[in-house]
mmCIF file of all heavy atoms, coordinates in Angstrom:
data_MODEL
# 
_entry.id   MODEL 
# 
loop_
_atom_site.group_PDB 
_atom_site.id 
_atom_site.type_symbol 
_atom_site.label_atom_id 
_atom_site.label_alt_id 
_atom_site.label_comp_id 
_atom_site.label_asym_id 
_atom_site.label_entity_id 
_atom_site.label_seq_id 
_atom_site.pdbx_PDB_ins_code 
_atom_site.Cartn_x 
_atom_site.Cartn_y 
_atom_site.Cartn_z 
_atom_site.occupancy 
_atom_site.B_iso_or_equiv 
_atom_site.pdbx_formal_charge 
_atom_site.auth_seq_id 
_atom_site.auth_comp_id 
_atom_site.auth_asym_id 
_atom_site.auth_atom_id 
_atom_site.pdbx_PDB_model_num 
ATOM 1   N N   . ALA A 1 1  ? 1.761  -9.605  -0.157  1.00 0.00 ? 1  ALA A N   1 
ATOM 2   C CA  . ALA A 1 1  ? 1.014  -8.912  -1.186  1.00 0.00 ? 1  ALA A CA  1 
ATOM 3   C C   . ALA A 1 1  ? 1.523  -7.451  -1.262  1.00 0.00 ? 1  ALA A C   1 
ATOM 4   O O   . ALA A 1 1  ? 1.521  -6.833  -0.221  1.00 0.00 ? 1  ALA A O   1 
ATOM 5   C CB  . ALA A 1 1  ? -0.538 -8.961  -0.953  1.00 0.00 ? 1  ALA A CB  1 
ATOM 6   N N   . MET A 1 2  ? 1.791  -6.928  -2.516  1.00 0.00 ? 2  MET A N   1 
ATOM 7   C CA  . MET A 1 2  ? 2.293  -5.621  -2.650  1.00 0.00 ? 2  MET A CA  1 
ATOM 8   C C   . MET A 1 2  ? 1.389  -4.895  -3.809  1.00 0.00 ? 2  MET A C   1 
ATOM 9   O O   . MET A 1 2  ? 0.972  -5.564  -4.678  1.00 0.00 ? 2  MET A O   1 
ATOM 10  C CB  . MET A 1 2  ? 3.777  -5.619  -3.056  1.00 0.00 ? 2  MET A CB  1 
ATOM 11  C CG  . MET A 1 2  ? 4.606  -6.342  -2.062  1.00 0.00 ? 2  MET A CG  1 
ATOM 12  S SD  . MET A 1 2  ? 6.394  -6.456  -2.640  1.00 0.00 ? 2  MET A SD  1 
ATOM 13  C CE  . MET A 1 2  ? 6.796  -4.630  -2.672  1.00 0.00 ? 2  MET A CE  1 
ATOM 14  N N   . GLN A 1 3  ? 1.292  -3.610  -3.578  1.00 0.00 ? 3  GLN A N   1 
ATOM 15  C CA  . GLN A 1 3  ? 0.550  -2.795  -4.549  1.00 0.00 ? 3  GLN A CA  1 
ATOM 16  C C   . GLN A 1 3  ? 0.835  -1.331  -4.281  1.00 0.00 ? 3  GLN A C   1 
ATOM 17  O O   . GLN A 1 3  ? 1.028  -0.858  -3.213  1.00 0.00 ? 3  GLN A O   1 
ATOM 18  C CB  . GLN A 1 3  ? -0.940 -3.074  -4.429  1.00 0.00 ? 3  GLN A CB  1 
ATOM 19  C CG  . GLN A 1 3  ? -1.809 -2.531  -5.584  1.00 0.00 ? 3  GLN A CG  1 
ATOM 20  C CD  . GLN A 1 3  ? -3.223 -2.908  -5.586  1.00 0.00 ? 3  GLN A CD  1 
ATOM 21  O OE1 . GLN A 1 3  ? -3.522 -3.833  -4.783  1.00 0.00 ? 3  GLN A OE1 1 
ATOM 22  N NE2 . GLN A 1 3  ? -4.000 -2.431  -6.488  1.00 0.00 ? 3  GLN A NE2 1 
ATOM 23  N N   . THR A 1 4  ? 0.965  -0.647  -5.418  1.00 0.00 ? 4  THR A N   1 
ATOM 24  C CA  . THR A 1 4  ? 0.976  0.900   -5.372  1.00 0.00 ? 4  THR A CA  1 
ATOM 25  C C   . THR A 1 4  ? -0.354 1.486   -5.567  1.00 0.00 ? 4  THR A C   1 
ATOM 26  O O   . THR A 1 4  ? -1.057 1.157   -6.557  1.00 0.00 ? 4  THR A O   1 
ATOM 27  C CB  . THR A 1 4  ? 2.077  1.339   -6.416  1.00 0.00 ? 4  THR A CB  1 
ATOM 28  O OG1 . THR A 1 4  ? 3.311  0.727   -6.159  1.00 0.00 ? 4  THR A OG1 1 
ATOM 29  C CG2 . THR A 1 4  ? 2.178  2.907   -6.345  1.00 0.00 ? 4  THR A CG2 1 
ATOM 30  N N   . PHE A 1 5  ? -0.655 2.352   -4.681  1.00 0.00 ? 5  PHE A N   1 
ATOM 31  C CA  . PHE A 1 5  ? -1.996 2.962   -4.750  1.00 0.00 ? 5  PHE A CA  1 
ATOM 32  C C   . PHE A 1 5  ? -1.927 4.467   -4.741  1.00 0.00 ? 5  PHE A C   1 
ATOM 33  O O   . PHE A 1 5  ? -1.344 5.072   -3.816  1.00 0.00 ? 5  PHE A O   1 
ATOM 34  C CB  . PHE A 1 5  ? -2.775 2.479   -3.558  1.00 0.00 ? 5  PHE A CB  1 
ATOM 35  C CG  . PHE A 1 5  ? -4.312 3.010   -3.570  1.00 0.00 ? 5  PHE A CG  1 
ATOM 36  C CD1 . PHE A 1 5  ? -5.200 2.517   -4.361  1.00 0.00 ? 5  PHE A CD1 1 
ATOM 37  C CD2 . PHE A 1 5  ? -4.716 4.027   -2.717  1.00 0.00 ? 5  PHE A CD2 1 
ATOM 38  C CE1 . PHE A 1 5  ? -6.468 2.956   -4.472  1.00 0.00 ? 5  PHE A CE1 1 
ATOM 39  C CE2 . PHE A 1 5  ? -5.910 4.475   -2.694  1.00 0.00 ? 5  PHE A CE2 1 
ATOM 40  C CZ  . PHE A 1 5  ? -6.941 3.931   -3.561  1.00 0.00 ? 5  PHE A CZ  1 
ATOM 41  N N   . PRO A 1 6  ? -2.412 5.147   -5.799  1.00 0.00 ? 6  PRO A N   1 
ATOM 42  C CA  . PRO A 1 6  ? -2.379 6.639   -5.812  1.00 0.00 ? 6  PRO A CA  1 
ATOM 43  C C   . PRO A 1 6  ? -3.629 7.304   -5.121  1.00 0.00 ? 6  PRO A C   1 
ATOM 44  O O   . PRO A 1 6  ? -4.758 6.683   -5.262  1.00 0.00 ? 6  PRO A O   1 
ATOM 45  C CB  . PRO A 1 6  ? -2.385 6.998   -7.305  1.00 0.00 ? 6  PRO A CB  1 
ATOM 46  C CG  . PRO A 1 6  ? -3.164 5.853   -8.010  1.00 0.00 ? 6  PRO A CG  1 
ATOM 47  C CD  . PRO A 1 6  ? -2.831 4.620   -7.130  1.00 0.00 ? 6  PRO A CD  1 
ATOM 48  N N   . VAL A 1 7  ? -3.496 8.276   -4.375  1.00 0.00 ? 7  VAL A N   1 
ATOM 49  C CA  . VAL A 1 7  ? -4.493 9.028   -3.737  1.00 0.00 ? 7  VAL A CA  1 
ATOM 50  C C   . VAL A 1 7  ? -4.645 10.376  -4.371  1.00 0.00 ? 7  VAL A C   1 
ATOM 51  O O   . VAL A 1 7  ? -3.691 11.131  -4.339  1.00 0.00 ? 7  VAL A O   1 
ATOM 52  C CB  . VAL A 1 7  ? -4.319 9.114   -2.167  1.00 0.00 ? 7  VAL A CB  1 
ATOM 53  C CG1 . VAL A 1 7  ? -5.440 9.876   -1.552  1.00 0.00 ? 7  VAL A CG1 1 
ATOM 54  C CG2 . VAL A 1 7  ? -4.192 7.735   -1.615  1.00 0.00 ? 7  VAL A CG2 1 
ATOM 55  N N   . GLU A 1 8  ? -5.870 10.639  -4.945  1.00 0.00 ? 8  GLU A N   1 
ATOM 56  C CA  . GLU A 1 8  ? -6.197 11.882  -5.599  1.00 0.00 ? 8  GLU A CA  1 
ATOM 57  C C   . GLU A 1 8  ? -6.868 12.870  -4.605  1.00 0.00 ? 8  GLU A C   1 
ATOM 58  O O   . GLU A 1 8  ? -7.878 12.664  -4.067  1.00 0.00 ? 8  GLU A O   1 
ATOM 59  C CB  . GLU A 1 8  ? -7.128 11.609  -6.707  1.00 0.00 ? 8  GLU A CB  1 
ATOM 60  C CG  . GLU A 1 8  ? -6.573 10.827  -7.882  1.00 0.00 ? 8  GLU A CG  1 
ATOM 61  C CD  . GLU A 1 8  ? -5.481 11.514  -8.666  1.00 0.00 ? 8  GLU A CD  1 
ATOM 62  O OE1 . GLU A 1 8  ? -5.382 12.769  -8.444  1.00 0.00 ? 8  GLU A OE1 1 
ATOM 63  O OE2 . GLU A 1 8  ? -4.766 10.851  -9.407  1.00 0.00 ? 8  GLU A OE2 1 
ATOM 64  N N   . GLU A 1 9  ? -6.023 13.882  -4.196  1.00 0.00 ? 9  GLU A N   1 
ATOM 65  C CA  . GLU A 1 9  ? -6.633 14.972  -3.395  1.00 0.00 ? 9  GLU A CA  1 
ATOM 66  C C   . GLU A 1 9  ? -6.262 16.329  -3.992  1.00 0.00 ? 9  GLU A C   1 
ATOM 67  O O   . GLU A 1 9  ? -6.219 16.420  -5.242  1.00 0.00 ? 9  GLU A O   1 
ATOM 68  C CB  . GLU A 1 9  ? -5.984 14.797  -1.968  1.00 0.00 ? 9  GLU A CB  1 
ATOM 69  C CG  . GLU A 1 9  ? -6.433 13.501  -1.285  1.00 0.00 ? 9  GLU A CG  1 
ATOM 70  C CD  . GLU A 1 9  ? -5.834 13.330  0.129   1.00 0.00 ? 9  GLU A CD  1 
ATOM 71  O OE1 . GLU A 1 9  ? -4.828 14.115  0.376   1.00 0.00 ? 9  GLU A OE1 1 
ATOM 72  O OE2 . GLU A 1 9  ? -6.172 12.357  0.787   1.00 0.00 ? 9  GLU A OE2 1 
ATOM 73  N N   . ALA A 1 10 ? -5.888 17.229  -3.205  1.00 0.00 ? 10 ALA A N   1 
ATOM 74  C CA  . ALA A 1 10 ? -5.535 18.578  -3.762  1.00 0.00 ? 10 ALA A CA  1 
ATOM 75  C C   . ALA A 1 10 ? -4.220 18.331  -4.606  1.00 0.00 ? 10 ALA A C   1 
ATOM 76  O O   . ALA A 1 10 ? -4.068 19.004  -5.706  1.00 0.00 ? 10 ALA A O   1 
ATOM 77  C CB  . ALA A 1 10 ? -5.249 19.580  -2.737  1.00 0.00 ? 10 ALA A CB  1 
ATOM 78  N N   . GLN A 1 11 ? -3.388 17.435  -4.294  1.00 0.00 ? 11 GLN A N   1 
ATOM 79  C CA  . GLN A 1 11 ? -2.368 16.929  -5.023  1.00 0.00 ? 11 GLN A CA  1 
ATOM 80  C C   . GLN A 1 11 ? -2.294 15.448  -4.987  1.00 0.00 ? 11 GLN A C   1 
ATOM 81  O O   . GLN A 1 11 ? -2.710 14.874  -4.014  1.00 0.00 ? 11 GLN A O   1 
ATOM 82  C CB  . GLN A 1 11 ? -0.989 17.606  -4.633  1.00 0.00 ? 11 GLN A CB  1 
ATOM 83  C CG  . GLN A 1 11 ? -0.607 17.332  -3.112  1.00 0.00 ? 11 GLN A CG  1 
ATOM 84  C CD  . GLN A 1 11 ? 0.684  18.008  -2.807  1.00 0.00 ? 11 GLN A CD  1 
ATOM 85  O OE1 . GLN A 1 11 ? 1.465  18.414  -3.612  1.00 0.00 ? 11 GLN A OE1 1 
ATOM 86  N NE2 . GLN A 1 11 ? 0.883  18.028  -1.443  1.00 0.00 ? 11 GLN A NE2 1 
ATOM 87  N N   . ARG A 1 12 ? -1.596 14.846  -5.899  1.00 0.00 ? 12 ARG A N   1 
ATOM 88  C CA  . ARG A 1 12 ? -1.619 13.339  -5.913  1.00 0.00 ? 12 ARG A CA  1 
ATOM 89  C C   . ARG A 1 12 ? -0.529 12.909  -4.993  1.00 0.00 ? 12 ARG A C   1 
ATOM 90  O O   . ARG A 1 12 ? 0.662  13.317  -5.019  1.00 0.00 ? 12 ARG A O   1 
ATOM 91  C CB  . ARG A 1 12 ? -1.377 12.893  -7.370  1.00 0.00 ? 12 ARG A CB  1 
ATOM 92  C CG  . ARG A 1 12 ? -1.208 11.420  -7.456  1.00 0.00 ? 12 ARG A CG  1 
ATOM 93  C CD  . ARG A 1 12 ? -1.096 10.998  -8.927  1.00 0.00 ? 12 ARG A CD  1 
ATOM 94  N NE  . ARG A 1 12 ? -2.400 11.009  -9.585  1.00 0.00 ? 12 ARG A NE  1 
ATOM 95  C CZ  . ARG A 1 12 ? -2.662 10.381  -10.750 1.00 0.00 ? 12 ARG A CZ  1 
ATOM 96  N NH1 . ARG A 1 12 ? -1.724 9.776   -11.371 1.00 0.00 ? 12 ARG A NH1 1 
ATOM 97  N NH2 . ARG A 1 12 ? -3.901 10.478  -11.227 1.00 0.00 ? 12 ARG A NH2 1 
ATOM 98  N N   . PHE A 1 13 ? -0.903 11.825  -4.279  1.00 0.00 ? 13 PHE A N   1 
ATOM 99  C CA  . PHE A 1 13 ? 0.005  11.047  -3.334  1.00 0.00 ? 13 PHE A CA  1 
ATOM 100 C C   . PHE A 1 13 ? 0.073  9.641   -3.823  1.00 0.00 ? 13 PHE A C   1 
ATOM 101 O O   . PHE A 1 13 ? -0.836 9.000   -4.273  1.00 0.00 ? 13 PHE A O   1 
ATOM 102 C CB  . PHE A 1 13 ? -0.493 11.138  -1.923  1.00 0.00 ? 13 PHE A CB  1 
ATOM 103 C CG  . PHE A 1 13 ? -0.547 12.516  -1.291  1.00 0.00 ? 13 PHE A CG  1 
ATOM 104 C CD1 . PHE A 1 13 ? -1.615 13.287  -1.381  1.00 0.00 ? 13 PHE A CD1 1 
ATOM 105 C CD2 . PHE A 1 13 ? 0.662  12.990  -0.679  1.00 0.00 ? 13 PHE A CD2 1 
ATOM 106 C CE1 . PHE A 1 13 ? -1.661 14.544  -0.813  1.00 0.00 ? 13 PHE A CE1 1 
ATOM 107 C CE2 . PHE A 1 13 ? 0.542  14.178  -0.117  1.00 0.00 ? 13 PHE A CE2 1 
ATOM 108 C CZ  . PHE A 1 13 ? -0.539 14.982  -0.204  1.00 0.00 ? 13 PHE A CZ  1 
ATOM 109 N N   . TYR A 1 14 ? 1.290  9.057   -3.681  1.00 0.00 ? 14 TYR A N   1 
ATOM 110 C CA  . TYR A 1 14 ? 1.542  7.640   -4.027  1.00 0.00 ? 14 TYR A CA  1 
ATOM 111 C C   . TYR A 1 14 ? 1.966  6.870   -2.808  1.00 0.00 ? 14 TYR A C   1 
ATOM 112 O O   . TYR A 1 14 ? 2.899  7.309   -2.057  1.00 0.00 ? 14 TYR A O   1 
ATOM 113 C CB  . TYR A 1 14 ? 2.563  7.541   -5.110  1.00 0.00 ? 14 TYR A CB  1 
ATOM 114 C CG  . TYR A 1 14 ? 2.235  8.219   -6.405  1.00 0.00 ? 14 TYR A CG  1 
ATOM 115 C CD1 . TYR A 1 14 ? 2.512  9.565   -6.733  1.00 0.00 ? 14 TYR A CD1 1 
ATOM 116 C CD2 . TYR A 1 14 ? 1.541  7.444   -7.458  1.00 0.00 ? 14 TYR A CD2 1 
ATOM 117 C CE1 . TYR A 1 14 ? 2.221  10.158  -7.894  1.00 0.00 ? 14 TYR A CE1 1 
ATOM 118 C CE2 . TYR A 1 14 ? 1.275  8.066   -8.658  1.00 0.00 ? 14 TYR A CE2 1 
ATOM 119 C CZ  . TYR A 1 14 ? 1.544  9.443   -8.807  1.00 0.00 ? 14 TYR A CZ  1 
ATOM 120 O OH  . TYR A 1 14 ? 1.165  9.965   -10.044 1.00 0.00 ? 14 TYR A OH  1 
ATOM 121 N N   . PHE A 1 15 ? 1.304  5.747   -2.581  1.00 0.00 ? 15 PHE A N   1 
ATOM 122 C CA  . PHE A 1 15 ? 1.651  4.871   -1.475  1.00 0.00 ? 15 PHE A CA  1 
ATOM 123 C C   . PHE A 1 15 ? 1.930  3.424   -1.914  1.00 0.00 ? 15 PHE A C   1 
ATOM 124 O O   . PHE A 1 15 ? 1.208  2.901   -2.779  1.00 0.00 ? 15 PHE A O   1 
ATOM 125 C CB  . PHE A 1 15 ? 0.515  4.831   -0.455  1.00 0.00 ? 15 PHE A CB  1 
ATOM 126 C CG  . PHE A 1 15 ? 0.143  6.082   0.207   1.00 0.00 ? 15 PHE A CG  1 
ATOM 127 C CD1 . PHE A 1 15 ? -0.833 6.952   -0.267  1.00 0.00 ? 15 PHE A CD1 1 
ATOM 128 C CD2 . PHE A 1 15 ? 0.889  6.525   1.321   1.00 0.00 ? 15 PHE A CD2 1 
ATOM 129 C CE1 . PHE A 1 15 ? -1.026 8.186   0.398   1.00 0.00 ? 15 PHE A CE1 1 
ATOM 130 C CE2 . PHE A 1 15 ? 0.665  7.764   1.878   1.00 0.00 ? 15 PHE A CE2 1 
ATOM 131 C CZ  . PHE A 1 15 ? -0.310 8.546   1.472   1.00 0.00 ? 15 PHE A CZ  1 
ATOM 132 N N   . ASP A 1 16 ? 3.062  2.914   -1.500  1.00 0.00 ? 16 ASP A N   1 
ATOM 133 C CA  . ASP A 1 16 ? 3.338  1.477   -1.699  1.00 0.00 ? 16 ASP A CA  1 
ATOM 134 C C   . ASP A 1 16 ? 2.815  0.685   -0.454  1.00 0.00 ? 16 ASP A C   1 
ATOM 135 O O   . ASP A 1 16 ? 3.269  0.991   0.673   1.00 0.00 ? 16 ASP A O   1 
ATOM 136 C CB  . ASP A 1 16 ? 4.889  1.303   -1.855  1.00 0.00 ? 16 ASP A CB  1 
ATOM 137 C CG  . ASP A 1 16 ? 5.339  1.618   -3.286  1.00 0.00 ? 16 ASP A CG  1 
ATOM 138 O OD1 . ASP A 1 16 ? 4.513  1.983   -4.090  1.00 0.00 ? 16 ASP A OD1 1 
ATOM 139 O OD2 . ASP A 1 16 ? 6.596  1.603   -3.462  1.00 0.00 ? 16 ASP A OD2 1 
ATOM 140 N N   . LEU A 1 17 ? 1.961  -0.205  -0.726  1.00 0.00 ? 17 LEU A N   1 
ATOM 141 C CA  . LEU A 1 17 ? 1.293  -1.003  0.383   1.00 0.00 ? 17 LEU A CA  1 
ATOM 142 C C   . LEU A 1 17 ? 1.811  -2.435  0.330   1.00 0.00 ? 17 LEU A C   1 
ATOM 143 O O   . LEU A 1 17 ? 1.927  -3.099  -0.770  1.00 0.00 ? 17 LEU A O   1 
ATOM 144 C CB  . LEU A 1 17 ? -0.221 -1.060  0.188   1.00 0.00 ? 17 LEU A CB  1 
ATOM 145 C CG  . LEU A 1 17 ? -0.914 0.352   -0.013  1.00 0.00 ? 17 LEU A CG  1 
ATOM 146 C CD1 . LEU A 1 17 ? -2.414 0.104   -0.225  1.00 0.00 ? 17 LEU A CD1 1 
ATOM 147 C CD2 . LEU A 1 17 ? -0.614 1.243   1.107   1.00 0.00 ? 17 LEU A CD2 1 
ATOM 148 N N   . ILE A 1 18 ? 2.341  -2.896  1.476   1.00 0.00 ? 18 ILE A N   1 
ATOM 149 C CA  . ILE A 1 18 ? 2.897  -4.288  1.607   1.00 0.00 ? 18 ILE A CA  1 
ATOM 150 C C   . ILE A 1 18 ? 2.148  -4.923  2.824   1.00 0.00 ? 18 ILE A C   1 
ATOM 151 O O   . ILE A 1 18 ? 2.291  -4.435  3.868   1.00 0.00 ? 18 ILE A O   1 
ATOM 152 C CB  . ILE A 1 18 ? 4.495  -4.151  1.859   1.00 0.00 ? 18 ILE A CB  1 
ATOM 153 C CG1 . ILE A 1 18 ? 5.112  -3.410  0.772   1.00 0.00 ? 18 ILE A CG1 1 
ATOM 154 C CG2 . ILE A 1 18 ? 4.967  -5.581  1.928   1.00 0.00 ? 18 ILE A CG2 1 
ATOM 155 C CD1 . ILE A 1 18 ? 6.632  -3.133  1.052   1.00 0.00 ? 18 ILE A CD1 1 
ATOM 156 N N   . ALA A 1 19 ? 1.587  -6.117  2.574   1.00 0.00 ? 19 ALA A N   1 
ATOM 157 C CA  . ALA A 1 19 ? 0.891  -6.898  3.554   1.00 0.00 ? 19 ALA A CA  1 
ATOM 158 C C   . ALA A 1 19 ? 1.733  -8.244  3.719   1.00 0.00 ? 19 ALA A C   1 
ATOM 159 O O   . ALA A 1 19 ? 1.819  -8.979  2.607   1.00 0.00 ? 19 ALA A O   1 
ATOM 160 C CB  . ALA A 1 19 ? -0.528 -7.122  3.332   1.00 0.00 ? 19 ALA A CB  1 
ATOM 161 N N   . ALA A 1 20 ? 2.292  -8.466  4.781   1.00 0.00 ? 20 ALA A N   1 
ATOM 162 C CA  . ALA A 1 20 ? 3.180  -9.708  4.981   1.00 0.00 ? 20 ALA A CA  1 
ATOM 163 C C   . ALA A 1 20 ? 2.574  -10.556 6.131   1.00 0.00 ? 20 ALA A C   1 
ATOM 164 O O   . ALA A 1 20 ? 2.435  -10.043 7.236   1.00 0.00 ? 20 ALA A O   1 
ATOM 165 C CB  . ALA A 1 20 ? 4.535  -9.300  5.322   1.00 0.00 ? 20 ALA A CB  1 
ATOM 166 N N   . PRO A 1 21 ? 2.133  -11.785 5.918   1.00 0.00 ? 21 PRO A N   1 
ATOM 167 C CA  . PRO A 1 21 ? 1.595  -12.685 6.933   1.00 0.00 ? 21 PRO A CA  1 
ATOM 168 C C   . PRO A 1 21 ? 2.812  -13.186 7.900   1.00 0.00 ? 21 PRO A C   1 
ATOM 169 O O   . PRO A 1 21 ? 3.924  -13.371 7.421   1.00 0.00 ? 21 PRO A O   1 
ATOM 170 C CB  . PRO A 1 21 ? 1.085  -13.856 6.246   1.00 0.00 ? 21 PRO A CB  1 
ATOM 171 C CG  . PRO A 1 21 ? 1.774  -13.914 4.912   1.00 0.00 ? 21 PRO A CG  1 
ATOM 172 C CD  . PRO A 1 21 ? 2.065  -12.538 4.567   1.00 0.00 ? 21 PRO A CD  1 
ATOM 173 N N   . LEU A 1 22 ? 2.534  -13.244 9.116   1.00 0.00 ? 22 LEU A N   1 
ATOM 174 C CA  . LEU A 1 22 ? 3.468  -13.692 10.077  1.00 0.00 ? 22 LEU A CA  1 
ATOM 175 C C   . LEU A 1 22 ? 3.517  -15.163 10.243  1.00 0.00 ? 22 LEU A C   1 
ATOM 176 O O   . LEU A 1 22 ? 2.619  -15.875 9.683   1.00 0.00 ? 22 LEU A O   1 
ATOM 177 C CB  . LEU A 1 22 ? 3.202  -13.150 11.533  1.00 0.00 ? 22 LEU A CB  1 
ATOM 178 C CG  . LEU A 1 22 ? 3.180  -11.627 11.647  1.00 0.00 ? 22 LEU A CG  1 
ATOM 179 C CD1 . LEU A 1 22 ? 2.725  -11.167 13.010  1.00 0.00 ? 22 LEU A CD1 1 
ATOM 180 C CD2 . LEU A 1 22 ? 4.468  -11.004 11.268  1.00 0.00 ? 22 LEU A CD2 1 
ATOM 181 N N   . LYS A 1 23 ? 4.541  -15.737 10.811  1.00 0.00 ? 23 LYS A N   1 
ATOM 182 C CA  . LYS A 1 23 ? 4.725  -17.210 10.966  1.00 0.00 ? 23 LYS A CA  1 
ATOM 183 C C   . LYS A 1 23 ? 3.619  -17.727 11.934  1.00 0.00 ? 23 LYS A C   1 
ATOM 184 O O   . LYS A 1 23 ? 3.107  -17.043 12.776  1.00 0.00 ? 23 LYS A O   1 
ATOM 185 C CB  . LYS A 1 23 ? 6.071  -17.570 11.461  1.00 0.00 ? 23 LYS A CB  1 
ATOM 186 C CG  . LYS A 1 23 ? 7.188  -17.145 10.525  1.00 0.00 ? 23 LYS A CG  1 
ATOM 187 C CD  . LYS A 1 23 ? 8.545  -17.548 11.135  1.00 0.00 ? 23 LYS A CD  1 
ATOM 188 C CE  . LYS A 1 23 ? 9.685  -17.276 10.076  1.00 0.00 ? 23 LYS A CE  1 
ATOM 189 N NZ  . LYS A 1 23 ? 11.033 -17.678 10.570  1.00 0.00 ? 23 LYS A NZ  1 
ATOM 190 N N   . LYS A 1 24 ? 3.346  -18.984 11.642  1.00 0.00 ? 24 LYS A N   1 
ATOM 191 C CA  . LYS A 1 24 ? 2.367  -19.755 12.511  1.00 0.00 ? 24 LYS A CA  1 
ATOM 192 C C   . LYS A 1 24 ? 1.016  -19.112 12.430  1.00 0.00 ? 24 LYS A C   1 
ATOM 193 O O   . LYS A 1 24 ? 0.165  -19.313 13.410  1.00 0.00 ? 24 LYS A O   1 
ATOM 194 C CB  . LYS A 1 24 ? 2.883  -19.890 13.935  1.00 0.00 ? 24 LYS A CB  1 
ATOM 195 C CG  . LYS A 1 24 ? 4.206  -20.579 14.088  1.00 0.00 ? 24 LYS A CG  1 
ATOM 196 C CD  . LYS A 1 24 ? 4.635  -20.726 15.513  1.00 0.00 ? 24 LYS A CD  1 
ATOM 197 C CE  . LYS A 1 24 ? 6.022  -21.446 15.574  1.00 0.00 ? 24 LYS A CE  1 
ATOM 198 N NZ  . LYS A 1 24 ? 6.372  -21.597 17.043  1.00 0.00 ? 24 LYS A NZ  1 
ATOM 199 N N   . HIS A 1 25 ? 0.673  -18.305 11.356  1.00 0.00 ? 25 HIS A N   1 
ATOM 200 C CA  . HIS A 1 25 ? -0.568 -17.696 11.271  1.00 0.00 ? 25 HIS A CA  1 
ATOM 201 C C   . HIS A 1 25 ? -0.991 -16.924 12.425  1.00 0.00 ? 25 HIS A C   1 
ATOM 202 O O   . HIS A 1 25 ? -2.235 -17.042 12.945  1.00 0.00 ? 25 HIS A O   1 
ATOM 203 C CB  . HIS A 1 25 ? -1.646 -18.819 10.966  1.00 0.00 ? 25 HIS A CB  1 
ATOM 204 C CG  . HIS A 1 25 ? -1.283 -19.653 9.761   1.00 0.00 ? 25 HIS A CG  1 
ATOM 205 N ND1 . HIS A 1 25 ? -1.490 -19.211 8.394   1.00 0.00 ? 25 HIS A ND1 1 
ATOM 206 C CD2 . HIS A 1 25 ? -0.818 -20.903 9.586   1.00 0.00 ? 25 HIS A CD2 1 
ATOM 207 C CE1 . HIS A 1 25 ? -1.096 -20.088 7.486   1.00 0.00 ? 25 HIS A CE1 1 
ATOM 208 N NE2 . HIS A 1 25 ? -0.725 -21.202 8.272   1.00 0.00 ? 25 HIS A NE2 1 
# 
């Protein structure tokens, strides 16, 4: 699962988030 998430603070930050399941759960 992938998604880009902006964080609004004193200046804007952009984070690419990637969640990858491992083998055999």
